[in-house]
């Protein structure tokens, strides 16, 4: 259940007759009427998922949630129950908006709905696949040509290590999981298991058994491996030491056979001109002088972006709309849930997968989650972050301190 919050020193958004979208965002999403007129962030998110993302990714794999009326007494009772479970700084900043008359009900995709299939253990894996292609835009500057051969994820890892957000580089490469190759998908999942960070989590009957809440786990230790192997005992029918391998095989087979990532990749590729091109369309929309062109001109760096500032407004709107939709697709998660079949009943409404190593049949379902609507003003942040990631990676290339794919914090202290 998602409930509207209100700042402790602010007013209720639910009582105001306004839309949460800015003037330029209303222009951008004008075809999605309910999104444009949404009075709260939660309703805007619901209509964005329902009217924009669901048609693109397929309604079978997308659940926008449900708008349900709620009374003040109910919201007050929820506030009392959850206050002790929220961090103190969050409690000080905001409270449940009891003047709001609705909540959003969301499906818990880590479980199967009760009553549809026979009750039994349910194991789910949440994967953040990230961007699965190398950009091909002609607007990528020659000095940034590394983008065409190295994924954004791999380059961003270097910046994260430098900023002490992680202690070790992930072995994972998104190109593997999107490759359509069984072998490479298997490799991707093994790499995610070894260095999960916040990109790989596993739930058993709705409770997390692998990966972290919040920041995630940088590296899977022997202690974590043993605990996970034990937790799989009631689901994967294999000997000790073989259950994790069989589970990864199960997930790899499902990702490969379902082809669900093919559609996600198509939506990601709506970003056809990269942030280096899209940022100029953004300045066209907000009708302000392009800060990027000004910066390049002052530095006397030759560029060919003038053509982007002479395109019609409708074209700029399409570029940015596609870019924001692609940004959602690059940042979302995939939830794959499994339930062992007790017999050979193939009348289930779900997909089925056979795990050869344990001779087990599983029902499975796949859902995309975290399909967040990105604010228009974030375009500037995207551009600055892109520069920061590239600078950090270029600095590393100059120092040549890479040993295979491993880096230590000491290396970055040396660079500094």
Protein backbone atom coordinates (compact mmCIF):
# COMPACT_ATOMS: atom_id res chain seq x y z
CA UNK A 1 0.00 0.00 0.00
CA UNK A 2 1.38 3.39 -1.00
CA UNK A 3 0.13 6.32 1.04
CA UNK A 4 0.51 10.03 0.37
CA UNK A 5 2.88 11.85 2.75
CA UNK A 6 2.84 15.52 3.70
CA UNK A 7 5.75 17.62 4.98
CA UNK A 8 5.33 18.43 8.69
CA UNK A 9 5.70 22.14 7.97
CA UNK A 10 3.68 22.06 4.74
CA UNK A 11 0.09 21.73 3.59
CA UNK A 12 -1.78 18.72 2.23
CA UNK A 13 -1.34 18.24 -1.52
CA UNK A 14 -4.63 16.39 -1.62
CA UNK A 15 -6.58 19.49 -0.63
CA UNK A 16 -5.10 21.64 -3.39
CA UNK A 17 -6.63 21.89 -6.83
CA UNK A 18 -3.50 21.59 -8.96
CA UNK A 19 -1.38 19.17 -10.94
CA UNK A 20 2.02 17.95 -9.79
CA UNK A 21 3.48 18.29 -13.29
CA UNK A 22 5.19 21.51 -14.35
CA UNK A 23 3.99 23.53 -17.34
CA UNK A 24 6.65 21.99 -19.61
CA UNK A 25 5.91 18.47 -18.36
CA UNK A 26 2.21 18.94 -19.15
CA UNK A 27 3.24 19.86 -22.69
CA UNK A 28 5.49 16.80 -22.87
CA UNK A 29 2.81 14.30 -21.76
CA UNK A 30 -0.21 16.05 -23.27
CA UNK A 31 -1.47 12.82 -24.93
CA UNK A 32 -1.81 11.15 -21.49
CA UNK A 33 -4.70 13.24 -20.12
CA UNK A 34 -5.04 11.52 -16.74
CA UNK A 35 -1.30 11.84 -16.12
CA UNK A 36 -1.35 15.55 -16.98
CA UNK A 37 -4.23 16.27 -14.57
CA UNK A 38 -2.93 14.14 -11.66
CA UNK A 39 -3.11 16.12 -8.38
CA UNK A 40 -0.51 13.99 -6.51
CA UNK A 41 2.83 12.35 -7.27
CA UNK A 42 1.36 8.89 -6.50
CA UNK A 43 -1.49 9.31 -9.00
CA UNK A 44 0.89 10.70 -11.61
CA UNK A 45 3.09 7.59 -11.15
CA UNK A 46 0.03 5.30 -11.49
CA UNK A 47 -1.13 6.91 -14.74
CA UNK A 48 2.42 7.01 -16.13
CA UNK A 49 2.79 3.26 -15.57
CA UNK A 50 -0.75 2.46 -16.80
CA UNK A 51 -0.93 4.77 -19.83
CA UNK A 52 2.70 5.08 -20.95
CA UNK A 53 4.86 2.15 -19.78
CA UNK A 54 2.29 -0.69 -19.81
CA UNK A 55 1.48 -0.42 -23.55
CA UNK A 56 5.22 -0.42 -24.34
CA UNK A 57 6.31 -3.29 -22.08
CA UNK A 58 3.11 -5.33 -22.28
CA UNK A 59 0.24 -5.27 -19.71
CA UNK A 60 0.96 -8.92 -18.84
CA UNK A 61 4.22 -7.82 -17.17
CA UNK A 62 3.18 -4.44 -15.75
CA UNK A 63 0.87 -3.66 -12.82
CA UNK A 64 0.16 0.02 -12.21
CA UNK A 65 -1.69 -0.53 -8.93
CA UNK A 66 -5.19 0.40 -7.86
CA UNK A 67 -6.66 3.65 -6.57
CA UNK A 68 -8.73 2.91 -3.43
CA UNK A 69 -10.71 5.33 -1.25
CA UNK A 70 -9.68 5.53 2.43
CA UNK A 71 -11.11 7.39 5.44
CA UNK A 72 -9.21 9.65 7.85
CA UNK A 73 -9.54 7.21 10.78
CA UNK A 74 -7.88 4.45 8.76
CA UNK A 75 -4.95 6.69 7.74
CA UNK A 76 -4.49 7.85 11.36
CA UNK A 77 -4.34 4.23 12.56
CA UNK A 78 -1.75 3.39 9.88
CA UNK A 79 0.33 6.41 10.97
CA UNK A 80 0.39 5.11 14.57
CA UNK A 81 1.39 1.59 13.46
CA UNK A 82 4.25 2.55 11.12
CA UNK A 83 5.81 5.49 12.96
CA UNK A 84 8.11 3.25 15.04
CA UNK A 85 9.34 1.45 11.89
CA UNK A 86 10.40 4.63 10.05
CA UNK A 87 13.85 6.26 10.47
CA UNK A 88 13.75 9.22 12.85
CA UNK A 89 14.84 11.71 10.17
CA UNK A 90 11.93 10.61 7.95
CA UNK A 91 9.45 10.95 10.82
CA UNK A 92 10.72 14.49 11.48
CA UNK A 93 10.45 15.43 7.80
CA UNK A 94 7.01 14.07 6.87
CA UNK A 95 3.91 12.28 8.13
CA UNK A 96 1.01 10.44 6.51
CA UNK A 97 -1.35 12.93 4.86
CA UNK A 98 -4.57 12.12 6.75
CA UNK A 99 -6.50 14.69 4.68
CA UNK A 100 -5.95 12.52 1.60
CA UNK A 101 -8.95 10.33 0.78
CA UNK A 102 -7.19 7.50 -1.09
CA UNK A 103 -4.32 5.00 -1.07
CA UNK A 104 -2.70 3.00 -3.88
CA UNK A 105 -2.76 -0.78 -3.62
CA UNK A 106 0.17 -2.46 -5.33
CA UNK A 107 0.65 -6.18 -5.98
CA UNK A 108 3.45 -7.87 -4.02
CA UNK A 109 5.24 -9.51 -6.95
CA UNK A 110 7.45 -11.59 -4.66
CA UNK A 111 4.40 -13.84 -4.11
CA UNK A 112 1.79 -15.65 -6.20
CA UNK A 113 -1.84 -14.59 -5.61
CA UNK A 114 -3.49 -17.06 -3.23
CA UNK A 115 -6.29 -19.22 -4.61
CA UNK A 116 -5.08 -19.28 -8.23
CA UNK A 117 -2.46 -22.00 -7.84
CA UNK A 118 -1.87 -24.50 -5.06
CA UNK A 119 -0.17 -22.91 -2.04
CA UNK A 120 3.52 -23.75 -1.68
CA UNK A 121 6.91 -22.08 -1.29
CA UNK A 122 7.50 -19.10 -3.59
CA UNK A 123 10.98 -17.89 -4.44
CA UNK A 124 11.52 -14.64 -6.33
CA UNK A 125 14.53 -12.88 -7.76
CA UNK A 126 14.71 -9.12 -8.32
CA UNK A 127 17.18 -8.05 -11.00
CA UNK A 128 18.16 -4.53 -12.04
CA UNK A 129 19.41 -5.29 -15.57
CA UNK A 130 20.42 -1.64 -16.32
CA UNK A 131 21.09 -0.35 -19.87
CA UNK A 132 21.55 -3.26 -22.28
CA UNK A 133 23.03 -1.60 -25.38
CA UNK A 134 25.97 0.55 -26.47
CA UNK A 135 24.89 4.00 -27.70
CA UNK A 136 25.21 4.64 -31.42
CA UNK A 137 24.34 8.35 -31.62
CA UNK A 138 26.21 10.59 -34.05
CA UNK A 139 26.01 13.33 -31.37
CA UNK A 140 28.49 11.56 -29.10
CA UNK A 141 31.64 13.73 -29.11
CA UNK A 142 34.82 12.07 -30.38
CA UNK A 143 36.48 12.58 -26.97
CA UNK A 144 33.70 10.39 -25.50
CA UNK A 145 34.01 7.59 -28.08
CA UNK A 146 34.64 5.09 -25.24
CA UNK A 147 30.81 5.04 -24.80
CA UNK A 148 30.55 3.07 -28.03
CA UNK A 149 32.63 0.17 -26.68
CA UNK A 150 32.11 0.15 -22.89
CA UNK A 151 28.72 0.01 -21.17
CA UNK A 152 27.50 2.83 -18.97
CA UNK A 153 27.18 0.35 -16.07
CA UNK A 154 30.85 -0.66 -16.25
CA UNK A 155 32.02 2.97 -16.41
CA UNK A 156 29.71 4.03 -13.59
CA UNK A 157 31.21 1.30 -11.39
CA UNK A 158 34.55 3.12 -11.52
CA UNK A 159 32.98 6.39 -10.34
CA UNK A 160 31.10 4.58 -7.56
CA UNK A 161 34.33 2.96 -6.38
CA UNK A 162 36.07 6.30 -6.43
CA UNK A 163 33.28 7.87 -4.36
CA UNK A 164 33.40 5.00 -1.84
CA UNK A 165 29.84 3.94 -2.70
CA UNK A 166 31.13 0.41 -3.39
CA UNK A 167 34.28 -1.42 -2.30
CA UNK A 168 34.70 -3.63 -5.37
CA UNK A 169 33.83 -3.46 -9.07
CA UNK A 170 30.96 -5.66 -10.19
CA UNK A 171 31.85 -8.37 -12.70
CA UNK A 172 28.40 -7.97 -14.28
CA UNK A 173 28.02 -6.63 -17.82
CA UNK A 174 24.44 -5.79 -18.91
CA UNK A 175 25.27 -6.75 -22.51
CA UNK A 176 25.42 -10.39 -21.33
CA UNK A 177 21.91 -10.58 -19.86
CA UNK A 178 20.39 -8.82 -22.91
CA UNK A 179 22.38 -10.91 -25.42
CA UNK A 180 19.75 -13.59 -26.10
CA UNK A 181 22.51 -16.18 -25.54
CA UNK A 182 21.79 -18.84 -22.90
CA UNK A 183 25.46 -19.06 -22.00
CA UNK A 184 25.93 -15.29 -21.58
CA UNK A 185 22.70 -14.92 -19.58
CA UNK A 186 24.01 -17.64 -17.27
CA UNK A 187 27.31 -15.74 -16.92
CA UNK A 188 25.45 -12.49 -16.15
CA UNK A 189 23.48 -14.13 -13.33
CA UNK A 190 26.62 -15.73 -11.86
CA UNK A 191 28.29 -12.29 -11.92
CA UNK A 192 25.26 -10.67 -10.24
CA UNK A 193 25.30 -13.40 -7.59
CA UNK A 194 29.03 -12.83 -6.91
CA UNK A 195 28.76 -9.03 -6.64
CA UNK A 196 25.05 -8.27 -6.11
CA UNK A 197 25.34 -4.64 -4.89
CA UNK A 198 21.76 -3.34 -5.25
CA UNK A 199 21.19 -5.16 -8.56
CA UNK A 200 20.28 -8.68 -7.39
CA UNK A 201 18.03 -9.77 -4.51
CA UNK A 202 16.17 -12.98 -3.68
CA UNK A 203 12.97 -13.38 -1.64
CA UNK A 204 11.47 -16.53 -0.11
CA UNK A 205 7.73 -16.29 0.59
CA UNK A 206 8.02 -12.49 0.45
CA UNK A 207 10.99 -12.17 2.87
CA UNK A 208 14.47 -11.26 1.66
CA UNK A 209 17.05 -14.08 1.88
CA UNK A 210 19.81 -12.73 -0.38
CA UNK A 211 21.04 -9.21 -1.15
CA UNK A 212 20.53 -6.14 0.99
CA UNK A 213 17.74 -3.70 1.67
CA UNK A 214 18.88 -0.21 0.68
CA UNK A 215 22.57 -0.17 -0.22
CA UNK A 216 22.90 -3.84 -1.08
CA UNK A 217 25.86 -6.21 -0.63
CA UNK A 218 29.11 -5.58 -2.54
CA UNK A 219 30.44 -9.14 -2.50
CA UNK A 220 28.97 -12.53 -1.64
CA UNK A 221 31.06 -13.99 1.19
CA UNK A 222 31.33 -17.68 2.13
CA UNK A 223 29.03 -17.01 5.11
CA UNK A 224 26.37 -15.47 2.82
CA UNK A 225 26.78 -18.36 0.35
CA UNK A 226 26.18 -20.98 3.05
CA UNK A 227 23.13 -19.16 4.44
CA UNK A 228 21.61 -18.84 0.95
CA UNK A 229 22.33 -22.49 0.11
CA UNK A 230 20.46 -23.47 3.30
CA UNK A 231 17.52 -21.16 2.60
CA UNK A 232 16.97 -22.84 -0.80
CA UNK A 233 16.50 -26.28 0.79
CA UNK A 234 12.69 -26.27 0.75
CA UNK A 235 12.47 -25.14 -2.89
CA UNK A 236 15.38 -26.58 -4.89
CA UNK A 237 15.62 -30.37 -4.56
CA UNK A 238 19.39 -30.77 -4.84
CA UNK A 239 22.22 -31.92 -2.55
CA UNK A 240 24.07 -29.50 -0.28
CA UNK A 241 26.44 -27.33 -2.30
CA UNK A 242 24.44 -27.69 -5.52
CA UNK A 243 21.24 -25.76 -4.76
CA UNK A 244 22.60 -22.27 -5.57
CA UNK A 245 23.96 -23.48 -8.91
CA UNK A 246 20.57 -25.03 -9.76
CA UNK A 247 18.72 -21.85 -8.72
CA UNK A 248 20.89 -19.69 -11.02
CA UNK A 249 20.26 -22.22 -13.80
CA UNK A 250 16.50 -21.90 -13.17
CA UNK A 251 16.59 -18.10 -13.42
CA UNK A 252 18.83 -18.17 -16.52
CA UNK A 253 16.53 -20.65 -18.31
CA UNK A 254 13.50 -18.49 -17.52
CA UNK A 255 15.08 -15.22 -18.67
CA UNK A 256 16.27 -16.96 -21.85
CA UNK A 257 12.98 -18.74 -22.69
CA UNK A 258 10.58 -15.91 -21.75
CA UNK A 259 12.44 -13.36 -23.96
CA UNK A 260 10.97 -10.71 -21.67
CA UNK A 261 14.17 -8.63 -21.82
CA UNK A 262 13.81 -8.25 -25.60
CA UNK A 263 10.89 -5.86 -25.13
CA UNK A 264 12.66 -3.96 -22.35
CA UNK A 265 15.66 -3.46 -24.65
CA UNK A 266 13.43 -2.06 -27.41
CA UNK A 267 12.04 0.53 -24.96
CA UNK A 268 15.55 1.42 -23.74
CA UNK A 269 16.58 2.04 -27.35
CA UNK A 270 14.03 4.86 -27.63
CA UNK A 271 17.04 6.86 -26.42
CA UNK A 272 18.48 7.09 -29.93
CA UNK A 273 20.59 10.26 -29.68
CA UNK A 274 22.13 9.84 -26.19
CA UNK A 275 22.14 12.53 -23.49
CA UNK A 276 24.76 14.45 -25.52
CA UNK A 277 22.11 15.07 -28.16
CA UNK A 278 18.96 15.06 -25.98
CA UNK A 279 20.18 17.83 -23.66
CA UNK A 280 19.91 20.33 -26.54
CA UNK A 281 16.26 19.36 -27.18
CA UNK A 282 15.64 19.94 -23.46
CA UNK A 283 16.85 23.55 -23.68
CA UNK A 284 14.62 24.03 -26.75
CA UNK A 285 11.58 22.98 -24.67
CA UNK A 286 12.29 25.18 -21.65
CA UNK A 287 13.07 28.12 -23.99
CA UNK A 288 16.38 29.00 -22.36
CA UNK A 289 19.85 29.52 -23.88
CA UNK A 290 21.66 26.20 -24.15
CA UNK A 291 24.19 26.05 -21.32
CA UNK A 292 25.98 23.12 -22.97
CA UNK A 293 26.64 25.00 -26.22
CA UNK A 294 27.73 28.06 -24.24
CA UNK A 295 30.17 25.94 -22.21
CA UNK A 296 31.63 24.32 -25.36
CA UNK A 297 31.89 27.67 -27.17
CA UNK A 298 33.69 29.30 -24.21
CA UNK A 299 36.14 26.38 -24.13
CA UNK A 300 36.57 26.77 -27.93
CA UNK A 301 35.58 23.13 -28.43
CA UNK A 302 34.18 22.59 -31.94
CA UNK A 303 30.78 20.86 -32.01
CA UNK A 304 27.90 20.18 -34.38
CA UNK A 305 24.91 20.78 -32.12
CA UNK A 306 23.53 23.90 -33.86
CA UNK A 307 21.27 21.71 -36.05
CA UNK A 308 19.47 20.46 -32.91
CA UNK A 309 18.48 24.00 -32.01
CA UNK A 310 16.67 24.59 -35.30
CA UNK A 311 14.31 21.59 -35.16
CA UNK A 312 10.54 22.11 -34.56
CA UNK A 313 9.27 22.06 -30.97
CA UNK A 314 7.28 18.89 -31.71
CA UNK A 315 10.51 17.10 -32.58
CA UNK A 316 12.23 18.30 -29.39
CA UNK A 317 9.25 17.07 -27.37
CA UNK A 318 9.43 13.64 -29.00
CA UNK A 319 13.19 13.36 -28.34
CA UNK A 320 12.76 14.19 -24.64
CA UNK A 321 9.66 12.07 -24.18
CA UNK A 322 11.46 9.07 -25.69
CA UNK A 323 14.56 9.79 -23.61
CA UNK A 324 12.58 9.89 -20.32
CA UNK A 325 10.69 6.68 -21.18
CA UNK A 326 14.03 5.02 -22.01
CA UNK A 327 15.49 6.30 -18.69
CA UNK A 328 12.63 4.56 -16.85
CA UNK A 329 13.35 1.33 -18.75
CA UNK A 330 17.08 1.54 -17.99
CA UNK A 331 16.46 2.00 -14.27
CA UNK A 332 13.60 -0.44 -13.61
CA UNK A 333 13.77 -3.88 -12.01
CA UNK A 334 12.61 -7.28 -13.18
CA UNK A 335 10.88 -9.55 -10.64
CA UNK A 336 10.79 -13.25 -11.58
CA UNK A 337 8.81 -15.47 -9.19
CA UNK A 338 8.83 -19.28 -9.07
CA UNK A 339 6.62 -21.89 -7.45
CA UNK A 340 7.36 -25.63 -7.66
CA UNK A 341 4.63 -27.68 -9.34
CA UNK A 342 3.55 -30.62 -7.25
CA UNK A 343 2.48 -32.63 -10.30
CA UNK A 344 2.33 -32.41 -14.09
CA UNK A 345 -0.68 -30.08 -14.09
CA UNK A 346 -0.19 -27.81 -17.10
CA UNK A 347 -3.49 -25.95 -16.67
CA UNK A 348 -1.80 -23.11 -14.77
CA UNK A 349 -2.28 -19.49 -15.97
CA UNK A 350 1.48 -18.92 -15.53
CA UNK A 351 4.51 -19.81 -17.61
CA UNK A 352 6.29 -23.08 -16.90
CA UNK A 353 9.95 -23.95 -16.81
CA UNK A 354 11.71 -27.30 -16.35
CA UNK A 355 14.86 -27.43 -14.21
CA UNK A 356 16.88 -30.27 -15.68
CA UNK A 357 19.48 -30.55 -12.89
CA UNK A 358 16.81 -31.34 -10.25
CA UNK A 359 14.09 -32.78 -12.51
CA UNK A 360 11.59 -30.17 -11.20
CA UNK A 361 8.83 -28.21 -12.93
CA UNK A 362 8.09 -24.63 -11.83
CA UNK A 363 5.36 -22.09 -12.47
CA UNK A 364 6.85 -18.66 -13.08
CA UNK A 365 5.65 -15.10 -13.58
CA UNK A 366 7.61 -12.03 -14.66
CA UNK A 367 6.87 -8.41 -13.74
CA UNK A 368 8.58 -5.08 -14.30
CA UNK A 369 8.69 -2.92 -11.16
CA UNK A 370 10.04 0.53 -10.18
CA UNK A 371 8.79 2.13 -13.41
CA UNK A 372 9.28 5.64 -12.03
CA UNK A 373 8.39 8.80 -13.92
CA UNK A 374 11.55 10.91 -14.22
CA UNK A 375 11.12 14.70 -13.75
CA UNK A 376 11.94 16.83 -16.80
CA UNK A 377 14.42 18.95 -14.81
CA UNK A 378 16.51 15.79 -14.27
CA UNK A 379 17.84 16.16 -17.83
CA UNK A 380 20.50 18.56 -16.55
CA UNK A 381 21.48 16.05 -13.82
CA UNK A 382 21.73 13.26 -16.42
CA UNK A 383 24.08 15.37 -18.53
CA UNK A 384 26.33 16.32 -15.59
CA UNK A 385 26.44 12.73 -14.34
CA UNK A 386 27.39 11.50 -17.79
CA UNK A 387 30.34 13.89 -17.82
CA UNK A 388 31.42 12.83 -14.34
CA UNK A 389 31.29 9.11 -15.24
CA UNK A 390 33.31 9.67 -18.42
CA UNK A 391 35.91 11.84 -16.68
CA UNK A 392 36.40 9.29 -13.93
CA UNK A 393 36.79 6.43 -16.41
CA UNK A 394 39.18 8.44 -18.63
CA UNK A 395 41.33 9.23 -15.60
CA UNK A 396 41.52 5.53 -14.80
CA UNK A 397 42.50 4.66 -18.38
CA UNK A 398 45.39 7.14 -18.17
CA UNK A 399 46.75 5.64 -14.95
CA UNK A 400 46.36 2.04 -16.21
CA UNK A 401 45.93 0.71 -12.71
CA UNK A 402 43.46 -1.97 -13.74
CA UNK A 403 44.42 -5.57 -13.03
CA UNK A 404 41.94 -7.66 -14.99
CA UNK A 405 38.68 -6.17 -13.79
CA UNK A 406 39.65 -5.52 -10.17
CA UNK A 407 40.53 -2.25 -8.55
CA UNK A 408 41.32 -1.40 -4.95
CA UNK A 409 40.59 1.72 -2.94
CA UNK A 410 44.39 2.16 -2.58
CA UNK A 411 44.60 2.66 -6.35
CA UNK A 412 42.18 5.56 -6.16
CA UNK A 413 44.04 7.11 -3.22
CA UNK A 414 47.11 7.03 -5.51
CA UNK A 415 45.17 8.67 -8.35
CA UNK A 416 43.99 11.42 -6.02
